Amino acid sequence: MKILRYVLIILLGIVLTVVMSFLELPFWLIYLSIVVLYILLLVVPQMYIVYKSNNLARIERYLEDNQKKPIFTYALAVKTGNREAIIQAINEILKKYKQPYMQQVYKTNLALHEKDVASFVILAKQISKEPLRTYYKAYSEALQGNYEEAWTLKADLPVGWMPYAIEAIIAKELGDLETFRDVAEASVESARGVQKFNLLYAFQHMEKDFS
Protein backbone atom coordinates (compact mmCIF):
# COMPACT_ATOMS: atom_id res chain seq x y z
CA MET A 1 0.00 0.00 0.00
CA LYS A 2 2.84 2.36 0.90
CA ILE A 3 4.72 1.55 -2.32
CA LEU A 4 1.54 2.02 -4.37
CA ARG A 5 1.05 5.48 -2.85
CA TYR A 6 4.60 6.48 -3.79
CA VAL A 7 4.14 5.13 -7.33
CA LEU A 8 0.92 7.12 -7.76
CA ILE A 9 2.59 10.30 -6.51
CA ILE A 10 5.51 9.80 -8.91
CA LEU A 11 3.11 9.18 -11.81
CA LEU A 12 1.20 12.32 -10.87
CA GLY A 13 4.46 14.26 -10.95
CA ILE A 14 5.30 12.87 -14.38
CA VAL A 15 1.86 13.74 -15.74
CA LEU A 16 2.09 17.25 -14.31
CA THR A 17 5.53 17.70 -15.87
CA VAL A 18 4.28 16.56 -19.28
CA VAL A 19 1.23 18.83 -19.15
CA MET A 20 3.25 21.89 -18.05
CA SER A 21 5.89 21.18 -20.71
CA PHE A 22 3.16 20.93 -23.34
CA LEU A 23 1.93 24.35 -22.21
CA GLU A 24 5.52 25.60 -22.71
CA LEU A 25 5.79 26.95 -19.19
CA PRO A 26 9.26 28.04 -17.96
CA PHE A 27 11.52 25.25 -16.69
CA TRP A 28 11.93 26.91 -13.30
CA LEU A 29 8.14 26.99 -12.82
CA ILE A 30 7.82 23.31 -13.77
CA TYR A 31 10.63 22.37 -11.39
CA LEU A 32 9.22 24.45 -8.54
CA SER A 33 5.73 23.02 -9.06
CA ILE A 34 7.01 19.43 -8.89
CA VAL A 35 9.01 20.14 -5.74
CA VAL A 36 5.98 21.74 -4.07
CA LEU A 37 3.81 18.80 -5.14
CA TYR A 38 6.16 16.26 -3.59
CA ILE A 39 6.48 18.30 -0.39
CA LEU A 40 2.70 18.56 -0.05
CA LEU A 41 2.05 14.88 -0.77
CA LEU A 42 5.06 13.25 0.90
CA VAL A 43 6.59 15.49 3.57
CA VAL A 44 3.60 17.40 4.97
CA PRO A 45 1.46 14.30 5.78
CA GLN A 46 4.37 12.72 7.65
CA MET A 47 5.08 15.90 9.59
CA TYR A 48 1.40 16.12 10.50
CA ILE A 49 1.36 12.57 11.88
CA VAL A 50 4.53 13.11 13.92
CA TYR A 51 3.60 16.49 15.40
CA LYS A 52 -0.11 17.18 15.05
CA SER A 53 -2.17 14.03 14.61
CA ASN A 54 -4.71 13.05 17.24
CA ASN A 55 -5.26 9.59 15.75
CA LEU A 56 -3.34 7.11 17.89
CA ALA A 57 -3.90 4.18 15.54
CA ARG A 58 -2.50 6.18 12.63
CA ILE A 59 0.45 7.33 14.71
CA GLU A 60 1.25 3.76 15.74
CA ARG A 61 1.10 2.54 12.12
CA TYR A 62 3.53 5.30 11.16
CA LEU A 63 5.88 4.35 14.00
CA GLU A 64 5.82 0.70 12.98
CA ASP A 65 6.50 1.60 9.34
CA ASN A 66 9.47 3.72 10.39
CA GLN A 67 10.80 1.82 13.38
CA LYS A 68 14.30 1.67 11.92
CA LYS A 69 14.64 5.25 13.11
CA PRO A 70 15.74 5.17 16.79
CA ILE A 71 13.35 7.93 17.89
CA PHE A 72 10.39 5.89 16.67
CA THR A 73 11.84 2.68 18.11
CA TYR A 74 11.92 4.53 21.42
CA ALA A 75 8.22 5.41 21.19
CA LEU A 76 7.31 1.78 20.49
CA ALA A 77 9.48 0.68 23.41
CA VAL A 78 7.63 3.13 25.67
CA LYS A 79 4.40 1.41 24.68
CA THR A 80 5.72 -1.97 25.83
CA GLY A 81 6.99 -0.57 29.12
CA ASN A 82 10.09 -2.75 28.76
CA ARG A 83 12.78 -0.73 30.55
CA GLU A 84 15.65 -2.54 28.87
CA ALA A 85 14.16 -1.90 25.41
CA ILE A 86 13.61 1.77 26.28
CA ILE A 87 17.20 2.18 27.48
CA GLN A 88 18.54 0.44 24.39
CA ALA A 89 16.48 2.72 22.14
CA ILE A 90 17.76 5.82 23.96
CA ASN A 91 21.35 4.65 23.57
CA GLU A 92 20.74 4.23 19.83
CA ILE A 93 19.37 7.79 19.69
CA LEU A 94 22.47 9.08 21.48
CA LYS A 95 24.71 7.26 18.99
CA LYS A 96 22.90 8.64 15.94
CA TYR A 97 22.00 12.19 16.91
CA LYS A 98 24.96 14.26 18.06
CA GLN A 99 23.25 17.63 18.25
CA PRO A 100 23.84 19.09 21.75
CA TYR A 101 20.11 19.54 22.40
CA MET A 102 19.32 15.92 21.50
CA GLN A 103 22.19 14.68 23.65
CA GLN A 104 21.02 16.76 26.61
CA VAL A 105 17.39 15.65 26.45
CA TYR A 106 18.01 11.96 25.86
CA LYS A 107 20.82 11.66 28.40
CA THR A 108 18.34 13.11 30.87
CA ASN A 109 15.74 10.57 29.76
CA LEU A 110 18.30 7.80 30.05
CA ALA A 111 19.02 8.72 33.67
CA LEU A 112 15.27 8.77 34.35
CA HIS A 113 14.70 5.28 32.96
CA GLU A 114 17.81 3.97 34.71
CA LYS A 115 16.25 5.36 37.91
CA ASP A 116 19.37 7.40 38.57
CA VAL A 117 17.67 10.35 40.24
CA ALA A 118 20.93 12.07 41.20
CA SER A 119 22.12 12.17 37.57
CA PHE A 120 18.63 13.08 36.37
CA VAL A 121 18.60 16.16 38.63
CA ILE A 122 22.00 17.32 37.32
CA LEU A 123 21.26 16.62 33.66
CA ALA A 124 17.86 18.33 33.77
CA LYS A 125 19.58 21.61 34.67
CA GLN A 126 21.92 21.27 31.68
CA ILE A 127 19.21 21.21 29.01
CA SER A 128 19.74 24.36 26.97
CA LYS A 129 16.29 24.85 25.44
CA GLU A 130 13.02 25.89 26.99
CA PRO A 131 10.43 24.79 27.89
CA LEU A 132 11.93 21.30 28.23
CA ARG A 133 14.57 22.58 30.65
CA THR A 134 11.90 23.85 33.05
CA TYR A 135 9.80 20.72 32.49
CA TYR A 136 12.60 18.34 33.43
CA LYS A 137 13.67 20.54 36.35
CA ALA A 138 10.11 20.41 37.69
CA TYR A 139 10.07 16.65 37.11
CA SER A 140 13.34 16.27 39.05
CA GLU A 141 12.05 18.37 41.94
CA ALA A 142 8.94 16.16 42.16
CA LEU A 143 11.07 13.02 42.27
CA GLN A 144 13.06 14.52 45.14
CA GLY A 145 9.89 15.29 47.06
CA ASN A 146 10.22 19.05 46.57
CA TYR A 147 6.60 19.45 45.55
CA GLU A 148 6.30 23.19 46.18
CA GLU A 149 9.31 23.86 43.97
CA ALA A 150 7.95 21.53 41.29
CA TRP A 151 4.61 23.33 41.44
CA THR A 152 6.31 26.72 41.13
CA LEU A 153 8.28 25.60 38.08
CA LYS A 154 5.09 24.13 36.58
CA ALA A 155 3.58 27.60 36.54
CA ASP A 156 6.29 28.72 34.10
CA LEU A 157 5.43 26.03 31.55
CA PRO A 158 3.31 26.89 28.50
CA VAL A 159 -0.31 25.83 28.38
CA GLY A 160 -0.54 22.29 27.06
CA TRP A 161 0.54 18.80 28.07
CA MET A 162 3.57 19.76 30.18
CA PRO A 163 1.89 21.34 33.22
CA TYR A 164 -0.59 18.46 33.45
CA ALA A 165 2.27 15.96 33.15
CA ILE A 166 4.09 17.57 36.08
CA GLU A 167 0.89 17.46 38.14
CA ALA A 168 0.62 13.78 37.28
CA ILE A 169 4.18 13.11 38.45
CA ILE A 170 3.51 14.96 41.71
CA ALA A 171 0.28 13.01 42.23
CA LYS A 172 2.13 9.75 41.55
CA GLU A 173 4.83 10.57 44.07
CA LEU A 174 2.14 11.44 46.63
CA GLY A 175 0.21 8.23 45.90
CA ASP A 176 -2.90 10.15 44.83
CA LEU A 177 -4.35 7.81 42.16
CA GLU A 178 -7.53 9.79 41.48
CA THR A 179 -5.69 13.04 40.80
CA PHE A 180 -3.06 11.18 38.81
CA ARG A 181 -5.69 9.73 36.49
CA ASP A 182 -7.40 13.09 35.99
CA VAL A 183 -4.29 15.12 35.16
CA ALA A 184 -2.64 12.31 33.16
CA GLU A 185 -5.75 12.14 30.99
CA ALA A 186 -5.68 15.94 30.58
CA SER A 187 -2.00 15.80 29.59
CA VAL A 188 -2.62 13.13 26.93
CA GLU A 189 -5.65 15.02 25.65
CA SER A 190 -3.57 18.19 25.28
CA ALA A 191 -0.73 16.48 23.40
CA ARG A 192 -0.53 15.67 19.72
CA GLY A 193 1.45 13.36 17.46
CA VAL A 194 4.15 11.04 18.78
CA GLN A 195 4.21 12.99 22.06
CA LYS A 196 0.60 11.98 22.67
CA PHE A 197 1.50 8.34 21.98
CA ASN A 198 4.44 8.46 24.41
CA LEU A 199 2.46 10.10 27.18
CA LEU A 200 -0.49 7.72 26.91
CA TYR A 201 1.59 4.60 27.41
CA ALA A 202 4.05 6.15 29.87
CA PHE A 203 1.15 7.11 32.13
CA GLN A 204 -0.49 3.71 31.73
CA HIS A 205 2.66 2.03 32.98
CA MET A 206 3.04 4.57 35.80
CA GLU A 207 -0.47 3.79 36.98
CA LYS A 208 0.54 0.15 37.47
CA ASP A 209 2.99 1.34 40.14
CA PHE A 210 0.06 2.31 42.36
CA SER A 211 -0.84 -1.35 42.79
C-alpha atoms as a PDB file:
ATOM      1  CA  MET A   1       0.000   0.000   0.000  1.00  0.00           C
ATOM      2  CA  LYS A   2       2.843   2.355   0.900  1.00  0.00           C
ATOM      3  CA  ILE A   3       4.719   1.550  -2.325  1.00  0.00           C
ATOM      4  CA  LEU A   4       1.536   2.021  -4.365  1.00  0.00           C
ATOM      5  CA  ARG A   5       1.050   5.476  -2.855  1.00  0.00           C
ATOM      6  CA  TYR A   6       4.605   6.475  -3.792  1.00  0.00           C
ATOM      7  CA  VAL A   7       4.138   5.131  -7.329  1.00  0.00           C
ATOM      8  CA  LEU A   8       0.920   7.120  -7.761  1.00  0.00           C
ATOM      9  CA  ILE A   9       2.588  10.303  -6.513  1.00  0.00           C
ATOM     10  CA  ILE A  10       5.513   9.802  -8.914  1.00  0.00           C
ATOM     11  CA  LEU A  11       3.109   9.183 -11.807  1.00  0.00           C
ATOM     12  CA  LEU A  12       1.196  12.319 -10.872  1.00  0.00           C
ATOM     13  CA  GLY A  13       4.463  14.264 -10.949  1.00  0.00           C
ATOM     14  CA  ILE A  14       5.300  12.865 -14.378  1.00  0.00           C
ATOM     15  CA  VAL A  15       1.857  13.736 -15.744  1.00  0.00           C
ATOM     16  CA  LEU A  16       2.086  17.245 -14.309  1.00  0.00           C
ATOM     17  CA  THR A  17       5.525  17.702 -15.865  1.00  0.00           C
ATOM     18  CA  VAL A  18       4.282  16.564 -19.277  1.00  0.00           C
ATOM     19  CA  VAL A  19       1.234  18.835 -19.147  1.00  0.00           C
ATOM     20  CA  MET A  20       3.246  21.889 -18.055  1.00  0.00           C
ATOM     21  CA  SER A  21       5.886  21.176 -20.706  1.00  0.00           C
ATOM     22  CA  PHE A  22       3.156  20.933 -23.337  1.00  0.00           C
ATOM     23  CA  LEU A  23       1.931  24.349 -22.214  1.00  0.00           C
ATOM     24  CA  GLU A  24       5.523  25.599 -22.712  1.00  0.00           C
ATOM     25  CA  LEU A  25       5.794  26.951 -19.194  1.00  0.00           C
ATOM     26  CA  PRO A  26       9.265  28.037 -17.965  1.00  0.00           C
ATOM     27  CA  PHE A  27      11.516  25.245 -16.691  1.00  0.00           C
ATOM     28  CA  TRP A  28      11.931  26.914 -13.297  1.00  0.00           C
ATOM     29  CA  LEU A  29       8.137  26.990 -12.824  1.00  0.00           C
ATOM     30  CA  ILE A  30       7.821  23.308 -13.766  1.00  0.00           C
ATOM     31  CA  TYR A  31      10.626  22.371 -11.389  1.00  0.00           C
ATOM     32  CA  LEU A  32       9.217  24.450  -8.542  1.00  0.00           C
ATOM     33  CA  SER A  33       5.726  23.024  -9.062  1.00  0.00           C
ATOM     34  CA  ILE A  34       7.007  19.427  -8.894  1.00  0.00           C
ATOM     35  CA  VAL A  35       9.012  20.145  -5.736  1.00  0.00           C
ATOM     36  CA  VAL A  36       5.979  21.744  -4.072  1.00  0.00           C
ATOM     37  CA  LEU A  37       3.810  18.800  -5.136  1.00  0.00           C
ATOM     38  CA  TYR A  38       6.161  16.257  -3.585  1.00  0.00           C
ATOM     39  CA  ILE A  39       6.475  18.295  -0.391  1.00  0.00           C
ATOM     40  CA  LEU A  40       2.699  18.557  -0.054  1.00  0.00           C
ATOM     41  CA  LEU A  41       2.055  14.884  -0.775  1.00  0.00           C
ATOM     42  CA  LEU A  42       5.064  13.250   0.898  1.00  0.00           C
ATOM     43  CA  VAL A  43       6.590  15.488   3.571  1.00  0.00           C
ATOM     44  CA  VAL A  44       3.599  17.397   4.969  1.00  0.00           C
ATOM     45  CA  PRO A  45       1.459  14.304   5.776  1.00  0.00           C
ATOM     46  CA  GLN A  46       4.367  12.716   7.649  1.00  0.00           C
ATOM     47  CA  MET A  47       5.078  15.896   9.594  1.00  0.00           C
ATOM     48  CA  TYR A  48       1.398  16.122  10.497  1.00  0.00           C
ATOM     49  CA  ILE A  49       1.362  12.572  11.879  1.00  0.00           C
ATOM     50  CA  VAL A  50       4.534  13.111  13.923  1.00  0.00           C
ATOM     51  CA  TYR A  51       3.603  16.486  15.401  1.00  0.00           C
ATOM     52  CA  LYS A  52      -0.111  17.184  15.047  1.00  0.00           C
ATOM     53  CA  SER A  53      -2.166  14.028  14.615  1.00  0.00           C
ATOM     54  CA  ASN A  54      -4.710  13.051  17.245  1.00  0.00           C
ATOM     55  CA  ASN A  55      -5.262   9.593  15.746  1.00  0.00           C
ATOM     56  CA  LEU A  56      -3.338   7.115  17.890  1.00  0.00           C
ATOM     57  CA  ALA A  57      -3.896   4.179  15.539  1.00  0.00           C
ATOM     58  CA  ARG A  58      -2.503   6.178  12.629  1.00  0.00           C
ATOM     59  CA  ILE A  59       0.453   7.335  14.709  1.00  0.00           C
ATOM     60  CA  GLU A  60       1.245   3.759  15.740  1.00  0.00           C
ATOM     61  CA  ARG A  61       1.102   2.544  12.120  1.00  0.00           C
ATOM     62  CA  TYR A  62       3.525   5.303  11.157  1.00  0.00           C
ATOM     63  CA  LEU A  63       5.882   4.346  13.997  1.00  0.00           C
ATOM     64  CA  GLU A  64       5.819   0.696  12.979  1.00  0.00           C
ATOM     65  CA  ASP A  65       6.495   1.596   9.337  1.00  0.00           C
ATOM     66  CA  ASN A  66       9.475   3.719  10.392  1.00  0.00           C
ATOM     67  CA  GLN A  67      10.798   1.818  13.385  1.00  0.00           C
ATOM     68  CA  LYS A  68      14.301   1.665  11.923  1.00  0.00           C
ATOM     69  CA  LYS A  69      14.643   5.245  13.110  1.00  0.00           C
ATOM     70  CA  PRO A  70      15.743   5.174  16.790  1.00  0.00           C
ATOM     71  CA  ILE A  71      13.348   7.927  17.892  1.00  0.00           C
ATOM     72  CA  PHE A  72      10.387   5.894  16.672  1.00  0.00           C
ATOM     73  CA  THR A  73      11.837   2.683  18.108  1.00  0.00           C
ATOM     74  CA  TYR A  74      11.922   4.528  21.421  1.00  0.00           C
ATOM     75  CA  ALA A  75       8.224   5.406  21.192  1.00  0.00           C
ATOM     76  CA  LEU A  76       7.306   1.784  20.487  1.00  0.00           C
ATOM     77  CA  ALA A  77       9.483   0.684  23.408  1.00  0.00           C
ATOM     78  CA  VAL A  78       7.635   3.130  25.668  1.00  0.00           C
ATOM     79  CA  LYS A  79       4.395   1.406  24.679  1.00  0.00           C
ATOM     80  CA  THR A  80       5.722  -1.968  25.833  1.00  0.00           C
ATOM     81  CA  GLY A  81       6.985  -0.568  29.120  1.00  0.00           C
ATOM     82  CA  ASN A  82      10.090  -2.748  28.758  1.00  0.00           C
ATOM     83  CA  ARG A  83      12.777  -0.732  30.554  1.00  0.00           C
ATOM     84  CA  GLU A  84      15.654  -2.540  28.865  1.00  0.00           C
ATOM     85  CA  ALA A  85      14.157  -1.897  25.405  1.00  0.00           C
ATOM     86  CA  ILE A  86      13.613   1.766  26.276  1.00  0.00           C
ATOM     87  CA  ILE A  87      17.202   2.176  27.479  1.00  0.00           C
ATOM     88  CA  GLN A  88      18.538   0.437  24.393  1.00  0.00           C
ATOM     89  CA  ALA A  89      16.478   2.722  22.142  1.00  0.00           C
ATOM     90  CA  ILE A  90      17.755   5.817  23.960  1.00  0.00           C
ATOM     91  CA  ASN A  91      21.351   4.647  23.566  1.00  0.00           C
ATOM     92  CA  GLU A  92      20.744   4.234  19.826  1.00  0.00           C
ATOM     93  CA  ILE A  93      19.372   7.788  19.689  1.00  0.00           C
ATOM     94  CA  LEU A  94      22.469   9.077  21.478  1.00  0.00           C
ATOM     95  CA  LYS A  95      24.710   7.261  18.986  1.00  0.00           C
ATOM     96  CA  LYS A  96      22.904   8.641  15.941  1.00  0.00           C
ATOM     97  CA  TYR A  97      21.999  12.193  16.912  1.00  0.00           C
ATOM     98  CA  LYS A  98      24.964  14.256  18.060  1.00  0.00           C
ATOM     99  CA  GLN A  99      23.254  17.631  18.250  1.00  0.00           C
ATOM    100  CA  PRO A 100      23.838  19.094  21.750  1.00  0.00           C
ATOM    101  CA  TYR A 101      20.114  19.539  22.398  1.00  0.00           C
ATOM    102  CA  MET A 102      19.321  15.918  21.496  1.00  0.00           C
ATOM    103  CA  GLN A 103      22.193  14.679  23.647  1.00  0.00           C
ATOM    104  CA  GLN A 104      21.024  16.758  26.609  1.00  0.00           C
ATOM    105  CA  VAL A 105      17.391  15.654  26.447  1.00  0.00           C
ATOM    106  CA  TYR A 106      18.008  11.959  25.857  1.00  0.00           C
ATOM    107  CA  LYS A 107      20.823  11.663  28.396  1.00  0.00           C
ATOM    108  CA  THR A 108      18.339  13.108  30.874  1.00  0.00           C
ATOM    109  CA  ASN A 109      15.740  10.571  29.764  1.00  0.00           C
ATOM    110  CA  LEU A 110      18.301   7.797  30.053  1.00  0.00           C
ATOM    111  CA  ALA A 111      19.019   8.718  33.674  1.00  0.00           C
ATOM    112  CA  LEU A 112      15.273   8.774  34.350  1.00  0.00           C
ATOM    113  CA  HIS A 113      14.700   5.280  32.961  1.00  0.00           C
ATOM    114  CA  GLU A 114      17.808   3.971  34.710  1.00  0.00           C
ATOM    115  CA  LYS A 115      16.250   5.356  37.910  1.00  0.00           C
ATOM    116  CA  ASP A 116      19.375   7.397  38.574  1.00  0.00           C
ATOM    117  CA  VAL A 117      17.670  10.351  40.237  1.00  0.00           C
ATOM    118  CA  ALA A 118      20.934  12.068  41.203  1.00  0.00           C
ATOM    119  CA  SER A 119      22.118  12.166  37.573  1.00  0.00           C
ATOM    120  CA  PHE A 120      18.629  13.079  36.374  1.00  0.00           C
ATOM    121  CA  VAL A 121      18.605  16.163  38.632  1.00  0.00           C
ATOM    122  CA  ILE A 122      22.003  17.320  37.323  1.00  0.00           C
ATOM    123  CA  LEU A 123      21.261  16.622  33.664  1.00  0.00           C
ATOM    124  CA  ALA A 124      17.855  18.331  33.769  1.00  0.00           C
ATOM    125  CA  LYS A 125      19.579  21.605  34.665  1.00  0.00           C
ATOM    126  CA  GLN A 126      21.919  21.271  31.679  1.00  0.00           C
ATOM    127  CA  ILE A 127      19.208  21.208  29.009  1.00  0.00           C
ATOM    128  CA  SER A 128      19.737  24.358  26.969  1.00  0.00           C
ATOM    129  CA  LYS A 129      16.293  24.853  25.436  1.00  0.00           C
ATOM    130  CA  GLU A 130      13.023  25.889  26.988  1.00  0.00           C
ATOM    131  CA  PRO A 131      10.431  24.789  27.893  1.00  0.00           C
ATOM    132  CA  LEU A 132      11.929  21.300  28.235  1.00  0.00           C
ATOM    133  CA  ARG A 133      14.572  22.584  30.645  1.00  0.00           C
ATOM    134  CA  THR A 134      11.896  23.850  33.048  1.00  0.00           C
ATOM    135  CA  TYR A 135       9.803  20.720  32.489  1.00  0.00           C
ATOM    136  CA  TYR A 136      12.599  18.341  33.430  1.00  0.00           C
ATOM    137  CA  LYS A 137      13.671  20.541  36.345  1.00  0.00           C
ATOM    138  CA  ALA A 138      10.106  20.414  37.689  1.00  0.00           C
ATOM    139  CA  TYR A 139      10.075  16.652  37.111  1.00  0.00           C
ATOM    140  CA  SER A 140      13.336  16.265  39.049  1.00  0.00           C
ATOM    141  CA  GLU A 141      12.052  18.366  41.941  1.00  0.00           C
ATOM    142  CA  ALA A 142       8.940  16.165  42.155  1.00  0.00           C
ATOM    143  CA  LEU A 143      11.073  13.015  42.270  1.00  0.00           C
ATOM    144  CA  GLN A 144      13.061  14.522  45.143  1.00  0.00           C
ATOM    145  CA  GLY A 145       9.886  15.293  47.062  1.00  0.00           C
ATOM    146  CA  ASN A 146      10.222  19.048  46.568  1.00  0.00           C
ATOM    147  CA  TYR A 147       6.600  19.450  45.548  1.00  0.00           C
ATOM    148  CA  GLU A 148       6.302  23.190  46.176  1.00  0.00           C
ATOM    149  CA  GLU A 149       9.311  23.864  43.966  1.00  0.00           C
ATOM    150  CA  ALA A 150       7.945  21.533  41.288  1.00  0.00           C
ATOM    151  CA  TRP A 151       4.605  23.332  41.440  1.00  0.00           C
ATOM    152  CA  THR A 152       6.313  26.725  41.126  1.00  0.00           C
ATOM    153  CA  LEU A 153       8.281  25.598  38.076  1.00  0.00           C
ATOM    154  CA  LYS A 154       5.094  24.125  36.576  1.00  0.00           C
ATOM    155  CA  ALA A 155       3.576  27.598  36.538  1.00  0.00           C
ATOM    156  CA  ASP A 156       6.292  28.720  34.097  1.00  0.00           C
ATOM    157  CA  LEU A 157       5.427  26.034  31.554  1.00  0.00           C
ATOM    158  CA  PRO A 158       3.315  26.890  28.497  1.00  0.00           C
ATOM    159  CA  VAL A 159      -0.312  25.833  28.383  1.00  0.00           C
ATOM    160  CA  GLY A 160      -0.544  22.290  27.065  1.00  0.00           C
ATOM    161  CA  TRP A 161       0.541  18.799  28.065  1.00  0.00           C
ATOM    162  CA  MET A 162       3.568  19.757  30.175  1.00  0.00           C
ATOM    163  CA  PRO A 163       1.886  21.342  33.218  1.00  0.00           C
ATOM    164  CA  TYR A 164      -0.590  18.461  33.452  1.00  0.00           C
ATOM    165  CA  ALA A 165       2.273  15.957  33.154  1.00  0.00           C
ATOM    166  CA  ILE A 166       4.088  17.570  36.076  1.00  0.00           C
ATOM    167  CA  GLU A 167       0.891  17.462  38.141  1.00  0.00           C
ATOM    168  CA  ALA A 168       0.618  13.776  37.276  1.00  0.00           C
ATOM    169  CA  ILE A 169       4.184  13.114  38.452  1.00  0.00           C
ATOM    170  CA  ILE A 170       3.512  14.964  41.707  1.00  0.00           C
ATOM    171  CA  ALA A 171       0.284  13.010  42.227  1.00  0.00           C
ATOM    172  CA  LYS A 172       2.129   9.751  41.553  1.00  0.00           C
ATOM    173  CA  GLU A 173       4.835  10.570  44.067  1.00  0.00           C
ATOM    174  CA  LEU A 174       2.139  11.438  46.628  1.00  0.00           C
ATOM    175  CA  GLY A 175       0.213   8.233  45.901  1.00  0.00           C
ATOM    176  CA  ASP A 176      -2.900  10.147  44.828  1.00  0.00           C
ATOM    177  CA  LEU A 177      -4.346   7.812  42.165  1.00  0.00           C
ATOM    178  CA  GLU A 178      -7.535   9.789  41.481  1.00  0.00           C
ATOM    179  CA  THR A 179      -5.687  13.040  40.796  1.00  0.00           C
ATOM    180  CA  PHE A 180      -3.060  11.176  38.813  1.00  0.00           C
ATOM    181  CA  ARG A 181      -5.690   9.732  36.487  1.00  0.00           C
ATOM    182  CA  ASP A 182      -7.399  13.087  35.986  1.00  0.00           C
ATOM    183  CA  VAL A 183      -4.292  15.116  35.158  1.00  0.00           C
ATOM    184  CA  ALA A 184      -2.643  12.314  33.165  1.00  0.00           C
ATOM    185  CA  GLU A 185      -5.745  12.145  30.989  1.00  0.00           C
ATOM    186  CA  ALA A 186      -5.679  15.941  30.581  1.00  0.00           C
ATOM    187  CA  SER A 187      -2.001  15.798  29.589  1.00  0.00           C
ATOM    188  CA  VAL A 188      -2.618  13.129  26.934  1.00  0.00           C
ATOM    189  CA  GLU A 189      -5.650  15.022  25.654  1.00  0.00           C
ATOM    190  CA  SER A 190      -3.565  18.193  25.280  1.00  0.00           C
ATOM    191  CA  ALA A 191      -0.727  16.477  23.401  1.00  0.00           C
ATOM    192  CA  ARG A 192      -0.527  15.668  19.717  1.00  0.00           C
ATOM    193  CA  GLY A 193       1.451  13.357  17.457  1.00  0.00           C
ATOM    194  CA  VAL A 194       4.152  11.042  18.782  1.00  0.00           C
ATOM    195  CA  GLN A 195       4.211  12.988  22.060  1.00  0.00           C
ATOM    196  CA  LYS A 196       0.596  11.978  22.669  1.00  0.00           C
ATOM    197  CA  PHE A 197       1.495   8.339  21.980  1.00  0.00           C
ATOM    198  CA  ASN A 198       4.444   8.460  24.408  1.00  0.00           C
ATOM    199  CA  LEU A 199       2.460  10.099  27.178  1.00  0.00           C
ATOM    200  CA  LEU A 200      -0.491   7.719  26.913  1.00  0.00           C
ATOM    201  CA  TYR A 201       1.588   4.601  27.414  1.00  0.00           C
ATOM    202  CA  ALA A 202       4.047   6.145  29.869  1.00  0.00           C
ATOM    203  CA  PHE A 203       1.149   7.113  32.133  1.00  0.00           C
ATOM    204  CA  GLN A 204      -0.486   3.710  31.728  1.00  0.00           C
ATOM    205  CA  HIS A 205       2.665   2.034  32.984  1.00  0.00           C
ATOM    206  CA  MET A 206       3.040   4.573  35.796  1.00  0.00           C
ATOM    207  CA  GLU A 207      -0.471   3.788  36.975  1.00  0.00           C
ATOM    208  CA  LYS A 208       0.536   0.154  37.475  1.00  0.00           C
ATOM    209  CA  ASP A 209       2.993   1.341  40.138  1.00  0.00           C
ATOM    210  CA  PHE A 210       0.055   2.311  42.365  1.00  0.00           C
ATOM    211  CA  SER A 211      -0.839  -1.354  42.794  1.00  0.00           C
END
